[in-house]
Amino acid sequence: MEPNVQADAKVRAQRSTKPNGEPATEDEARSTAQLPSAPSAEIKTHRPAFEEVDSETLPAKPAALELEIQDKILQNYKLDGRDITPEHIAVLKVFARGISAATPEAAKEAARQLNDLCPPLNQTEEANNWMYMVWLVMLDIVADIGSTDAVQEGCVRILEELVQCAKGMMDVWGRNLRVWTDLPVLPITFDEFWENDVQSWKNISCFAARLMRSGLASDYDQAIMALRTALEEDMNTLPGFADCRTQVACLWIKHASPLYGGPATMCLQRWGFWIERLEKLGKEASVLGEDTREMALQTARTIRIVEKGVSHTLSA
């Protein structure tokens, strides 16, 4: 029987390690945002999940990446002690196939299958829990395997097709949201992954930045937090910690081009300071590794290239 969403957070906390090497607490694994208490019921099987996927669309032989995604995620679920339902497997297969094919047609087909698998939206509790499960599967793929462009861009393509599917309105704990345009429950699911283990943190940050670039999300708060902690605060001297923070900040700048035209917190003076800080981090000997210093310099060069294309100067 599937654990409820609050129990999922506890399991994830037990599995996670923060960038400073300490185990994450349950609250830290769930970030500062608390999941609403409403979706506490178990995820129920809406219908025989395997029957919903059109067998005619299946390739004769799964691609290597498709098998890698399925095997890795299922292995992690078993290690975590999480029950694996037919719904989990059906959704995992849809994402794995859509990602590995790497074509617009495959992304559109994956979106269609997810739309078909979704329970009736008037079954509020079931629909909320199912939606949460879908995003957990997707973000597990991103966190555990998403260090490659193929996985990250594959998920973005699927979401870009999914938001074109107009299924109806959904009650998400008192708010009426559009399925799939508003990607209901996805922001809450992201809270399960911020600042877990180092590689997962980088993968999730990179993916969130890509979603912002694609217009699928506007998570300026996470972007500003990443840039501020890396570039405006005293550098943490714990091994690997400063490298991780700096790399995450660079990933946001690299992949989230809308940051340049963001809210008032993204003022020109702040960008100017960040450019100077990145150049200083890249040139001076510090606790940062060589790869991180080069990444900082490349990011500063990227910003200076971007500033040539806008009417204002980002730096002095």
C-alpha atoms as a PDB file:
ATOM      1  CA  MET A   1       0.000   0.000   0.000  1.00  0.00           C
ATOM      2  CA  GLU A   2       1.383   3.375  -1.022  1.00  0.00           C
ATOM      3  CA  PRO A   3       2.668   5.609   1.823  1.00  0.00           C
ATOM      4  CA  ASN A   4       0.891   8.948   2.142  1.00  0.00           C
ATOM      5  CA  VAL A   5       2.621  12.118   1.063  1.00  0.00           C
ATOM      6  CA  GLN A   6       3.708  13.078   4.564  1.00  0.00           C
ATOM      7  CA  ALA A   7       5.346   9.664   5.033  1.00  0.00           C
ATOM      8  CA  ASP A   8       7.082  10.113   1.689  1.00  0.00           C
ATOM      9  CA  ALA A   9       8.791  13.217   3.082  1.00  0.00           C
ATOM     10  CA  LYS A  10      10.121  11.229   6.031  1.00  0.00           C
ATOM     11  CA  VAL A  11      11.507   8.500   3.774  1.00  0.00           C
ATOM     12  CA  ARG A  12      13.175  11.116   1.584  1.00  0.00           C
ATOM     13  CA  ALA A  13      14.718  12.743   4.651  1.00  0.00           C
ATOM     14  CA  GLN A  14      16.195   9.426   5.762  1.00  0.00           C
ATOM     15  CA  ARG A  15      17.713   8.944   2.336  1.00  0.00           C
ATOM     16  CA  SER A  16      19.034  12.494   1.853  1.00  0.00           C
ATOM     17  CA  THR A  17      22.351  14.042   2.785  1.00  0.00           C
ATOM     18  CA  LYS A  18      22.848  17.788   2.816  1.00  0.00           C
ATOM     19  CA  PRO A  19      25.765  19.345   0.928  1.00  0.00           C
ATOM     20  CA  ASN A  20      27.695  19.729   4.171  1.00  0.00           C
ATOM     21  CA  GLY A  21      27.600  15.973   4.741  1.00  0.00           C
ATOM     22  CA  GLU A  22      25.019  15.992   7.527  1.00  0.00           C
ATOM     23  CA  PRO A  23      21.841  13.912   7.265  1.00  0.00           C
ATOM     24  CA  ALA A  24      18.784  15.963   6.410  1.00  0.00           C
ATOM     25  CA  THR A  25      15.998  16.206   8.924  1.00  0.00           C
ATOM     26  CA  GLU A  26      12.440  15.571   7.814  1.00  0.00           C
ATOM     27  CA  ASP A  27      11.681  19.301   7.922  1.00  0.00           C
ATOM     28  CA  GLU A  28      14.791  20.134   5.899  1.00  0.00           C
ATOM     29  CA  ALA A  29      13.971  17.540   3.267  1.00  0.00           C
ATOM     30  CA  ARG A  30      10.563  19.166   2.884  1.00  0.00           C
ATOM     31  CA  SER A  31      12.125  22.656   2.781  1.00  0.00           C
ATOM     32  CA  THR A  32      10.383  25.515   4.570  1.00  0.00           C
ATOM     33  CA  ALA A  33       7.048  24.950   2.844  1.00  0.00           C
ATOM     34  CA  GLN A  34       4.702  22.549   4.585  1.00  0.00           C
ATOM     35  CA  LEU A  35       2.576  20.209   2.544  1.00  0.00           C
ATOM     36  CA  PRO A  36      -1.126  20.842   3.125  1.00  0.00           C
ATOM     37  CA  SER A  37      -2.647  18.255   5.403  1.00  0.00           C
ATOM     38  CA  ALA A  38      -5.491  17.488   3.013  1.00  0.00           C
ATOM     39  CA  PRO A  39      -3.812  14.880   0.770  1.00  0.00           C
ATOM     40  CA  SER A  40      -3.158  12.407   3.568  1.00  0.00           C
ATOM     41  CA  ALA A  41      -5.054   9.514   2.045  1.00  0.00           C
ATOM     42  CA  GLU A  42      -3.272   6.725   0.246  1.00  0.00           C
ATOM     43  CA  ILE A  43      -2.899   6.824  -3.513  1.00  0.00           C
ATOM     44  CA  LYS A  44      -5.430   4.415  -4.924  1.00  0.00           C
ATOM     45  CA  THR A  45      -5.296   2.680  -8.269  1.00  0.00           C
ATOM     46  CA  HIS A  46      -7.792   4.451 -10.502  1.00  0.00           C
ATOM     47  CA  ARG A  47      -7.816   1.807 -13.226  1.00  0.00           C
ATOM     48  CA  PRO A  48      -5.535  -0.934 -14.552  1.00  0.00           C
ATOM     49  CA  ALA A  49      -2.676   1.401 -15.394  1.00  0.00           C
ATOM     50  CA  PHE A  50      -1.005  -0.778 -17.984  1.00  0.00           C
ATOM     51  CA  GLU A  51      -4.169  -0.941 -20.078  1.00  0.00           C
ATOM     52  CA  GLU A  52      -4.155   2.831 -20.486  1.00  0.00           C
ATOM     53  CA  VAL A  53      -0.896   2.949 -22.444  1.00  0.00           C
ATOM     54  CA  ASP A  54      -1.426   2.289 -26.137  1.00  0.00           C
ATOM     55  CA  SER A  55       0.691  -0.755 -26.951  1.00  0.00           C
ATOM     56  CA  GLU A  56       0.888   0.244 -30.610  1.00  0.00           C
ATOM     57  CA  THR A  57       3.046   3.229 -29.641  1.00  0.00           C
ATOM     58  CA  LEU A  58       5.634   1.078 -27.858  1.00  0.00           C
ATOM     59  CA  PRO A  59       8.950   0.560 -29.641  1.00  0.00           C
ATOM     60  CA  ALA A  60       9.923  -3.011 -30.447  1.00  0.00           C
ATOM     61  CA  LYS A  61      13.001  -2.700 -28.241  1.00  0.00           C
ATOM     62  CA  PRO A  62      13.321  -0.087 -25.466  1.00  0.00           C
ATOM     63  CA  ALA A  63      16.199   2.327 -25.857  1.00  0.00           C
ATOM     64  CA  ALA A  64      19.148   2.045 -23.499  1.00  0.00           C
ATOM     65  CA  LEU A  65      18.288   5.327 -21.759  1.00  0.00           C
ATOM     66  CA  GLU A  66      14.697   4.190 -21.279  1.00  0.00           C
ATOM     67  CA  LEU A  67      15.855   1.030 -19.512  1.00  0.00           C
ATOM     68  CA  GLU A  68      18.422   2.957 -17.474  1.00  0.00           C
ATOM     69  CA  ILE A  69      15.765   5.359 -16.193  1.00  0.00           C
ATOM     70  CA  GLN A  70      13.341   2.590 -15.271  1.00  0.00           C
ATOM     71  CA  ASP A  71      15.954   0.383 -13.596  1.00  0.00           C
ATOM     72  CA  LYS A  72      17.559   3.230 -11.617  1.00  0.00           C
ATOM     73  CA  ILE A  73      14.310   4.651 -10.260  1.00  0.00           C
ATOM     74  CA  LEU A  74      12.817   1.270  -9.387  1.00  0.00           C
ATOM     75  CA  GLN A  75      16.045   0.296  -7.638  1.00  0.00           C
ATOM     76  CA  ASN A  76      15.992   3.506  -5.593  1.00  0.00           C
ATOM     77  CA  TYR A  77      12.355   2.955  -4.642  1.00  0.00           C
ATOM     78  CA  LYS A  78      13.186  -0.526  -3.397  1.00  0.00           C
ATOM     79  CA  LEU A  79      16.144   0.804  -1.399  1.00  0.00           C
ATOM     80  CA  ASP A  80      13.858   3.417   0.144  1.00  0.00           C
ATOM     81  CA  GLY A  81      11.328   0.750   1.072  1.00  0.00           C
ATOM     82  CA  ARG A  82       8.617   2.409  -0.995  1.00  0.00           C
ATOM     83  CA  ASP A  83       5.826   0.263  -2.350  1.00  0.00           C
ATOM     84  CA  ILE A  84       5.698   0.286  -6.139  1.00  0.00           C
ATOM     85  CA  THR A  85       2.162   0.345  -7.511  1.00  0.00           C
ATOM     86  CA  PRO A  86       1.043  -0.286 -11.102  1.00  0.00           C
ATOM     87  CA  GLU A  87       0.398   3.467 -11.299  1.00  0.00           C
ATOM     88  CA  HIS A  88       4.023   4.225 -10.425  1.00  0.00           C
ATOM     89  CA  ILE A  89       5.290   1.843 -13.078  1.00  0.00           C
ATOM     90  CA  ALA A  90       2.904   3.137 -15.740  1.00  0.00           C
ATOM     91  CA  VAL A  91       3.919   6.764 -15.134  1.00  0.00           C
ATOM     92  CA  LEU A  92       7.612   5.862 -14.946  1.00  0.00           C
ATOM     93  CA  LYS A  93       7.403   4.054 -18.284  1.00  0.00           C
ATOM     94  CA  VAL A  94       5.657   6.999 -19.916  1.00  0.00           C
ATOM     95  CA  PHE A  95       8.368   9.433 -18.792  1.00  0.00           C
ATOM     96  CA  ALA A  96      11.228   7.039 -19.601  1.00  0.00           C
ATOM     97  CA  ARG A  97       9.934   6.404 -23.105  1.00  0.00           C
ATOM     98  CA  GLY A  98       9.179  10.056 -23.814  1.00  0.00           C
ATOM     99  CA  ILE A  99      12.597  11.173 -22.585  1.00  0.00           C
ATOM    100  CA  SER A 100      14.654   8.513 -24.359  1.00  0.00           C
ATOM    101  CA  ALA A 101      12.996   8.983 -27.755  1.00  0.00           C
ATOM    102  CA  ALA A 102      14.016  12.668 -27.725  1.00  0.00           C
ATOM    103  CA  THR A 103      11.516  13.753 -30.389  1.00  0.00           C
ATOM    104  CA  PRO A 104       8.563  16.178 -30.351  1.00  0.00           C
ATOM    105  CA  GLU A 105       6.286  13.300 -31.349  1.00  0.00           C
ATOM    106  CA  ALA A 106       7.416  11.187 -28.389  1.00  0.00           C
ATOM    107  CA  ALA A 107       6.891  14.095 -25.993  1.00  0.00           C
ATOM    108  CA  LYS A 108       3.393  14.661 -27.359  1.00  0.00           C
ATOM    109  CA  GLU A 109       2.573  10.974 -26.998  1.00  0.00           C
ATOM    110  CA  ALA A 110       3.871  10.933 -23.416  1.00  0.00           C
ATOM    111  CA  ALA A 111       1.679  13.941 -22.601  1.00  0.00           C
ATOM    112  CA  ARG A 112      -1.350  12.227 -24.137  1.00  0.00           C
ATOM    113  CA  GLN A 113      -0.758   9.092 -22.081  1.00  0.00           C
ATOM    114  CA  LEU A 114      -0.369  11.042 -18.834  1.00  0.00           C
ATOM    115  CA  ASN A 115      -3.570  12.924 -19.603  1.00  0.00           C
ATOM    116  CA  ASP A 116      -5.381   9.622 -20.202  1.00  0.00           C
ATOM    117  CA  LEU A 117      -4.042   8.088 -16.985  1.00  0.00           C
ATOM    118  CA  CYS A 118      -5.226  11.011 -14.835  1.00  0.00           C
ATOM    119  CA  PRO A 119      -8.213  10.135 -12.604  1.00  0.00           C
ATOM    120  CA  PRO A 120     -11.468  12.103 -12.978  1.00  0.00           C
ATOM    121  CA  LEU A 121     -10.863  15.596 -11.613  1.00  0.00           C
ATOM    122  CA  ASN A 122     -14.087  15.542  -9.589  1.00  0.00           C
ATOM    123  CA  GLN A 123     -12.495  12.819  -7.456  1.00  0.00           C
ATOM    124  CA  THR A 124     -10.550  15.521  -5.664  1.00  0.00           C
ATOM    125  CA  GLU A 125      -8.537  13.536  -3.155  1.00  0.00           C
ATOM    126  CA  GLU A 126      -7.588  10.829  -5.617  1.00  0.00           C
ATOM    127  CA  ALA A 127      -6.673  13.347  -8.324  1.00  0.00           C
ATOM    128  CA  ASN A 128      -4.483  15.368  -5.926  1.00  0.00           C
ATOM    129  CA  ASN A 129      -2.601  12.316  -4.735  1.00  0.00           C
ATOM    130  CA  TRP A 130      -2.194  10.970  -8.252  1.00  0.00           C
ATOM    131  CA  MET A 131      -0.841  14.315  -9.476  1.00  0.00           C
ATOM    132  CA  TYR A 132       1.608  14.416  -6.571  1.00  0.00           C
ATOM    133  CA  MET A 133       2.784  10.905  -7.429  1.00  0.00           C
ATOM    134  CA  VAL A 134       3.353  11.872 -11.084  1.00  0.00           C
ATOM    135  CA  TRP A 135       5.549  14.835 -10.156  1.00  0.00           C
ATOM    136  CA  LEU A 136       7.474  12.771  -7.603  1.00  0.00           C
ATOM    137  CA  VAL A 137       8.298  10.230 -10.307  1.00  0.00           C
ATOM    138  CA  MET A 138       9.380  12.960 -12.720  1.00  0.00           C
ATOM    139  CA  LEU A 139      11.535  14.776 -10.155  1.00  0.00           C
ATOM    140  CA  ASP A 140      13.039  11.495  -8.960  1.00  0.00           C
ATOM    141  CA  ILE A 141      14.175  10.962 -12.553  1.00  0.00           C
ATOM    142  CA  VAL A 142      15.611  14.482 -12.693  1.00  0.00           C
ATOM    143  CA  ALA A 143      17.301  14.238  -9.288  1.00  0.00           C
ATOM    144  CA  ASP A 144      18.823  10.789  -9.763  1.00  0.00           C
ATOM    145  CA  ILE A 145      19.594  10.722 -13.502  1.00  0.00           C
ATOM    146  CA  GLY A 146      19.145  14.310 -14.633  1.00  0.00           C
ATOM    147  CA  SER A 147      22.772  15.372 -14.886  1.00  0.00           C
ATOM    148  CA  THR A 148      22.483  15.067 -18.679  1.00  0.00           C
ATOM    149  CA  ASP A 149      20.788  17.465 -21.077  1.00  0.00           C
ATOM    150  CA  ALA A 150      18.874  14.549 -22.612  1.00  0.00           C
ATOM    151  CA  VAL A 151      16.962  13.814 -19.404  1.00  0.00           C
ATOM    152  CA  GLN A 152      16.364  17.445 -18.426  1.00  0.00           C
ATOM    153  CA  GLU A 153      15.264  18.609 -21.868  1.00  0.00           C
ATOM    154  CA  GLY A 154      13.177  15.464 -22.317  1.00  0.00           C
ATOM    155  CA  CYS A 155      11.153  16.307 -19.217  1.00  0.00           C
ATOM    156  CA  VAL A 156      10.785  19.925 -20.351  1.00  0.00           C
ATOM    157  CA  ARG A 157       9.479  18.801 -23.755  1.00  0.00           C
ATOM    158  CA  ILE A 158       6.897  16.542 -22.123  1.00  0.00           C
ATOM    159  CA  LEU A 159       5.690  19.355 -19.844  1.00  0.00           C
ATOM    160  CA  GLU A 160       5.512  21.769 -22.775  1.00  0.00           C
ATOM    161  CA  GLU A 161       3.180  19.330 -24.531  1.00  0.00           C
ATOM    162  CA  LEU A 162       1.277  18.529 -21.348  1.00  0.00           C
ATOM    163  CA  VAL A 163       0.266  22.139 -20.672  1.00  0.00           C
ATOM    164  CA  GLN A 164      -1.429  22.126 -24.082  1.00  0.00           C
ATOM    165  CA  CYS A 165      -3.861  19.446 -22.849  1.00  0.00           C
ATOM    166  CA  ALA A 166      -6.990  21.108 -21.452  1.00  0.00           C
ATOM    167  CA  LYS A 167      -8.516  18.523 -19.138  1.00  0.00           C
ATOM    168  CA  GLY A 168     -10.494  20.843 -16.874  1.00  0.00           C
ATOM    169  CA  MET A 169     -10.384  22.503 -13.463  1.00  0.00           C
ATOM    170  CA  MET A 170      -9.016  20.815 -10.359  1.00  0.00           C
ATOM    171  CA  ASP A 171      -9.533  21.681  -6.694  1.00  0.00           C
ATOM    172  CA  VAL A 172      -6.077  21.774  -5.110  1.00  0.00           C
ATOM    173  CA  TRP A 173      -6.713  22.300  -1.409  1.00  0.00           C
ATOM    174  CA  GLY A 174      -9.201  25.103  -1.935  1.00  0.00           C
ATOM    175  CA  ARG A 175      -7.772  26.604  -5.132  1.00  0.00           C
ATOM    176  CA  ASN A 176      -9.188  25.964  -8.583  1.00  0.00           C
ATOM    177  CA  LEU A 177      -6.318  25.251 -10.965  1.00  0.00           C
ATOM    178  CA  ARG A 178      -6.269  24.352 -14.640  1.00  0.00           C
ATOM    179  CA  VAL A 179      -5.160  20.879 -15.656  1.00  0.00           C
ATOM    180  CA  TRP A 180      -2.655  20.913 -17.152  1.00  0.00           C
ATOM    181  CA  THR A 181      -1.873  24.573 -17.808  1.00  0.00           C
ATOM    182  CA  ASP A 182      -1.145  25.369 -14.149  1.00  0.00           C
ATOM    183  CA  LEU A 183       0.778  22.115 -13.552  1.00  0.00           C
ATOM    184  CA  PRO A 184      -1.141  21.575 -10.278  1.00  0.00           C
ATOM    185  CA  VAL A 185       0.805  20.351  -7.226  1.00  0.00           C
ATOM    186  CA  LEU A 186       4.198  20.609  -8.981  1.00  0.00           C
ATOM    187  CA  PRO A 187       5.510  23.554  -6.875  1.00  0.00           C
ATOM    188  CA  ILE A 188       4.725  21.665  -3.668  1.00  0.00           C
ATOM    189  CA  THR A 189       6.485  18.568  -4.977  1.00  0.00           C
ATOM    190  CA  PHE A 190       9.615  20.601  -5.712  1.00  0.00           C
ATOM    191  CA  ASP A 191       9.838  21.403  -1.998  1.00  0.00           C
ATOM    192  CA  GLU A 192      10.728  17.757  -1.352  1.00  0.00           C
ATOM    193  CA  PHE A 193      13.976  18.076  -3.286  1.00  0.00           C
ATOM    194  CA  TRP A 194      15.640  21.420  -2.483  1.00  0.00           C
ATOM    195  CA  GLU A 195      19.100  21.066  -0.913  1.00  0.00           C
ATOM    196  CA  ASN A 196      19.126  17.311  -0.527  1.00  0.00           C
ATOM    197  CA  ASP A 197      22.325  15.534  -1.579  1.00  0.00           C
ATOM    198  CA  VAL A 198      24.756  17.580  -3.656  1.00  0.00           C
ATOM    199  CA  GLN A 199      24.192  16.094  -7.119  1.00  0.00           C
ATOM    200  CA  SER A 200      20.415  15.988  -6.699  1.00  0.00           C
ATOM    201  CA  TRP A 201      20.432  19.631  -5.578  1.00  0.00           C
ATOM    202  CA  LYS A 202      22.345  20.632  -8.704  1.00  0.00           C
ATOM    203  CA  ASN A 203      20.110  18.550 -10.965  1.00  0.00           C
ATOM    204  CA  ILE A 204      16.884  19.936  -9.497  1.00  0.00           C
ATOM    205  CA  SER A 205      18.169  23.526  -9.587  1.00  0.00           C
ATOM    206  CA  CYS A 206      19.184  23.139 -13.213  1.00  0.00           C
ATOM    207  CA  PHE A 207      15.770  21.693 -14.088  1.00  0.00           C
ATOM    208  CA  ALA A 208      13.912  24.479 -12.271  1.00  0.00           C
ATOM    209  CA  ALA A 209      15.980  27.022 -14.202  1.00  0.00           C
ATOM    210  CA  ARG A 210      15.068  25.321 -17.486  1.00  0.00           C
ATOM    211  CA  LEU A 211      11.382  25.445 -16.542  1.00  0.00           C
ATOM    212  CA  MET A 212      11.713  29.178 -15.891  1.00  0.00           C
ATOM    213  CA  ARG A 213      13.425  29.659 -19.237  1.00  0.00           C
ATOM    214  CA  SER A 214      10.595  27.763 -20.963  1.00  0.00           C
ATOM    215  CA  GLY A 215       7.895  29.820 -19.245  1.00  0.00           C
ATOM    216  CA  LEU A 216       6.607  26.783 -17.351  1.00  0.00           C
ATOM    217  CA  ALA A 217       7.557  28.194 -13.934  1.00  0.00           C
ATOM    218  CA  SER A 218       8.508  31.524 -12.366  1.00  0.00           C
ATOM    219  CA  ASP A 219      10.474  30.462  -9.310  1.00  0.00           C
ATOM    220  CA  TYR A 220      12.436  33.677  -8.798  1.00  0.00           C
ATOM    221  CA  ASP A 221      12.600  33.075  -5.038  1.00  0.00           C
ATOM    222  CA  GLN A 222      14.700  29.915  -5.407  1.00  0.00           C
ATOM    223  CA  ALA A 223      16.902  31.585  -8.011  1.00  0.00           C
ATOM    224  CA  ILE A 224      17.548  34.624  -5.825  1.00  0.00           C
ATOM    225  CA  MET A 225      18.253  32.415  -2.805  1.00  0.00           C
ATOM    226  CA  ALA A 226      20.797  30.381  -4.770  1.00  0.00           C
ATOM    227  CA  LEU A 227      22.561  33.464  -6.120  1.00  0.00           C
ATOM    228  CA  ARG A 228      22.517  35.307  -2.798  1.00  0.00           C
ATOM    229  CA  THR A 229      23.923  32.448  -0.723  1.00  0.00           C
ATOM    230  CA  ALA A 230      26.687  31.772  -3.242  1.00  0.00           C
ATOM    231  CA  LEU A 231      27.674  35.307  -4.205  1.00  0.00           C
ATOM    232  CA  GLU A 232      26.626  37.659  -1.389  1.00  0.00           C
ATOM    233  CA  GLU A 233      27.348  35.710   1.794  1.00  0.00           C
ATOM    234  CA  ASP A 234      30.651  34.680   3.361  1.00  0.00           C
ATOM    235  CA  MET A 235      31.951  31.533   1.734  1.00  0.00           C
ATOM    236  CA  ASN A 236      31.415  28.326   3.680  1.00  0.00           C
ATOM    237  CA  THR A 237      34.752  26.560   4.146  1.00  0.00           C
ATOM    238  CA  LEU A 238      33.347  23.043   4.572  1.00  0.00           C
ATOM    239  CA  PRO A 239      34.755  20.760   1.846  1.00  0.00           C
ATOM    240  CA  GLY A 240      32.513  20.717  -1.211  1.00  0.00           C
ATOM    241  CA  PHE A 241      29.880  23.022   0.245  1.00  0.00           C
ATOM    242  CA  ALA A 242      31.084  26.244  -1.388  1.00  0.00           C
ATOM    243  CA  ASP A 243      31.636  24.409  -4.672  1.00  0.00           C
ATOM    244  CA  CYS A 244      28.065  23.165  -4.660  1.00  0.00           C
ATOM    245  CA  ARG A 245      26.570  26.573  -3.880  1.00  0.00           C
ATOM    246  CA  THR A 246      28.666  28.301  -6.525  1.00  0.00           C
ATOM    247  CA  GLN A 247      27.863  25.697  -9.172  1.00  0.00           C
ATOM    248  CA  VAL A 248      24.140  25.908  -8.423  1.00  0.00           C
ATOM    249  CA  ALA A 249      24.246  29.700  -8.807  1.00  0.00           C
ATOM    250  CA  CYS A 250      26.046  29.321 -12.136  1.00  0.00           C
ATOM    251  CA  LEU A 251      23.463  26.800 -13.344  1.00  0.00           C
ATOM    252  CA  TRP A 252      20.626  29.234 -12.615  1.00  0.00           C
ATOM    253  CA  ILE A 253      22.347  31.956 -14.624  1.00  0.00           C
ATOM    254  CA  LYS A 254      23.179  29.572 -17.469  1.00  0.00           C
ATOM    255  CA  HIS A 255      19.711  28.082 -17.909  1.00  0.00           C
ATOM    256  CA  ALA A 256      17.258  30.732 -16.663  1.00  0.00           C
ATOM    257  CA  SER A 257      17.621  33.568 -19.149  1.00  0.00           C
ATOM    258  CA  PRO A 258      14.402  35.263 -17.867  1.00  0.00           C
ATOM    259  CA  LEU A 259      16.378  36.156 -14.735  1.00  0.00           C
ATOM    260  CA  TYR A 260      17.843  39.089 -16.629  1.00  0.00           C
ATOM    261  CA  GLY A 261      14.421  40.699 -16.898  1.00  0.00           C
ATOM    262  CA  GLY A 262      13.172  39.605 -13.521  1.00  0.00           C
ATOM    263  CA  PRO A 263      11.655  41.526 -10.582  1.00  0.00           C
ATOM    264  CA  ALA A 264      13.155  44.443  -8.707  1.00  0.00           C
ATOM    265  CA  THR A 265      15.365  42.080  -6.710  1.00  0.00           C
ATOM    266  CA  MET A 266      17.249  41.462  -9.980  1.00  0.00           C
ATOM    267  CA  CYS A 267      18.362  45.109 -10.240  1.00  0.00           C
ATOM    268  CA  LEU A 268      21.267  46.166 -12.434  1.00  0.00           C
ATOM    269  CA  GLN A 269      23.460  46.993  -9.438  1.00  0.00           C
ATOM    270  CA  ARG A 270      22.994  43.478  -8.113  1.00  0.00           C
ATOM    271  CA  TRP A 271      23.917  41.929 -11.440  1.00  0.00           C
ATOM    272  CA  GLY A 272      27.021  44.113 -11.529  1.00  0.00           C
ATOM    273  CA  PHE A 273      28.055  42.881  -8.096  1.00  0.00           C
ATOM    274  CA  TRP A 274      27.460  39.252  -9.107  1.00  0.00           C
ATOM    275  CA  ILE A 275      29.627  39.608 -12.215  1.00  0.00           C
ATOM    276  CA  GLU A 276      32.486  41.035 -10.164  1.00  0.00           C
ATOM    277  CA  ARG A 277      32.036  38.363  -7.503  1.00  0.00           C
ATOM    278  CA  LEU A 278      32.064  35.537 -10.064  1.00  0.00           C
ATOM    279  CA  GLU A 279      35.211  36.898 -11.675  1.00  0.00           C
ATOM    280  CA  LYS A 280      36.879  37.209  -8.283  1.00  0.00           C
ATOM    281  CA  LEU A 281      35.904  33.659  -7.308  1.00  0.00           C
ATOM    282  CA  GLY A 282      37.252  32.377 -10.598  1.00  0.00           C
ATOM    283  CA  LYS A 283      40.607  34.137 -10.429  1.00  0.00           C
ATOM    284  CA  GLU A 284      41.576  33.944  -6.764  1.00  0.00           C
ATOM    285  CA  ALA A 285      42.840  30.900  -4.920  1.00  0.00           C
ATOM    286  CA  SER A 286      40.173  29.723  -2.492  1.00  0.00           C
ATOM    287  CA  VAL A 287      38.403  26.641  -1.178  1.00  0.00           C
ATOM    288  CA  LEU A 288      36.754  26.284  -4.599  1.00  0.00           C
ATOM    289  CA  GLY A 289      37.941  23.545  -6.901  1.00  0.00           C
ATOM    290  CA  GLU A 290      39.463  24.285 -10.294  1.00  0.00           C
ATOM    291  CA  ASP A 291      36.327  23.181 -12.172  1.00  0.00           C
ATOM    292  CA  THR A 292      34.153  25.479 -10.067  1.00  0.00           C
ATOM    293  CA  ARG A 293      36.469  28.453 -10.586  1.00  0.00           C
ATOM    294  CA  GLU A 294      36.375  27.929 -14.346  1.00  0.00           C
ATOM    295  CA  MET A 295      32.584  27.628 -14.182  1.00  0.00           C
ATOM    296  CA  ALA A 296      32.415  30.955 -12.322  1.00  0.00           C
ATOM    297  CA  LEU A 297      34.555  32.672 -14.963  1.00  0.00           C
ATOM    298  CA  GLN A 298      32.489  31.227 -17.797  1.00  0.00           C
ATOM    299  CA  THR A 299      29.283  32.388 -16.104  1.00  0.00           C
ATOM    300  CA  ALA A 300      30.666  35.915 -15.741  1.00  0.00           C
ATOM    301  CA  ARG A 301      31.540  35.864 -19.441  1.00  0.00           C
ATOM    302  CA  THR A 302      28.000  34.707 -20.232  1.00  0.00           C
ATOM    303  CA  ILE A 303      26.489  37.645 -18.340  1.00  0.00           C
ATOM    304  CA  ARG A 304      28.767  40.109 -20.112  1.00  0.00           C
ATOM    305  CA  ILE A 305      27.690  38.676 -23.471  1.00  0.00           C
ATOM    306  CA  VAL A 306      24.035  39.001 -22.491  1.00  0.00           C
ATOM    307  CA  GLU A 307      24.482  42.603 -21.372  1.00  0.00           C
ATOM    308  CA  LYS A 308      25.633  43.519 -24.864  1.00  0.00           C
ATOM    309  CA  GLY A 309      22.211  42.523 -26.134  1.00  0.00           C
ATOM    310  CA  VAL A 310      20.181  44.622 -23.700  1.00  0.00           C
ATOM    311  CA  SER A 311      19.763  48.355 -23.545  1.00  0.00           C
ATOM    312  CA  HIS A 312      21.213  48.736 -20.053  1.00  0.00           C
ATOM    313  CA  THR A 313      24.581  47.813 -18.656  1.00  0.00           C
ATOM    314  CA  LEU A 314      24.506  45.124 -16.001  1.00  0.00           C
ATOM    315  CA  SER A 315      27.900  45.986 -14.614  1.00  0.00           C
ATOM    316  CA  ALA A 316      30.118  49.008 -14.169  1.00  0.00           C
END
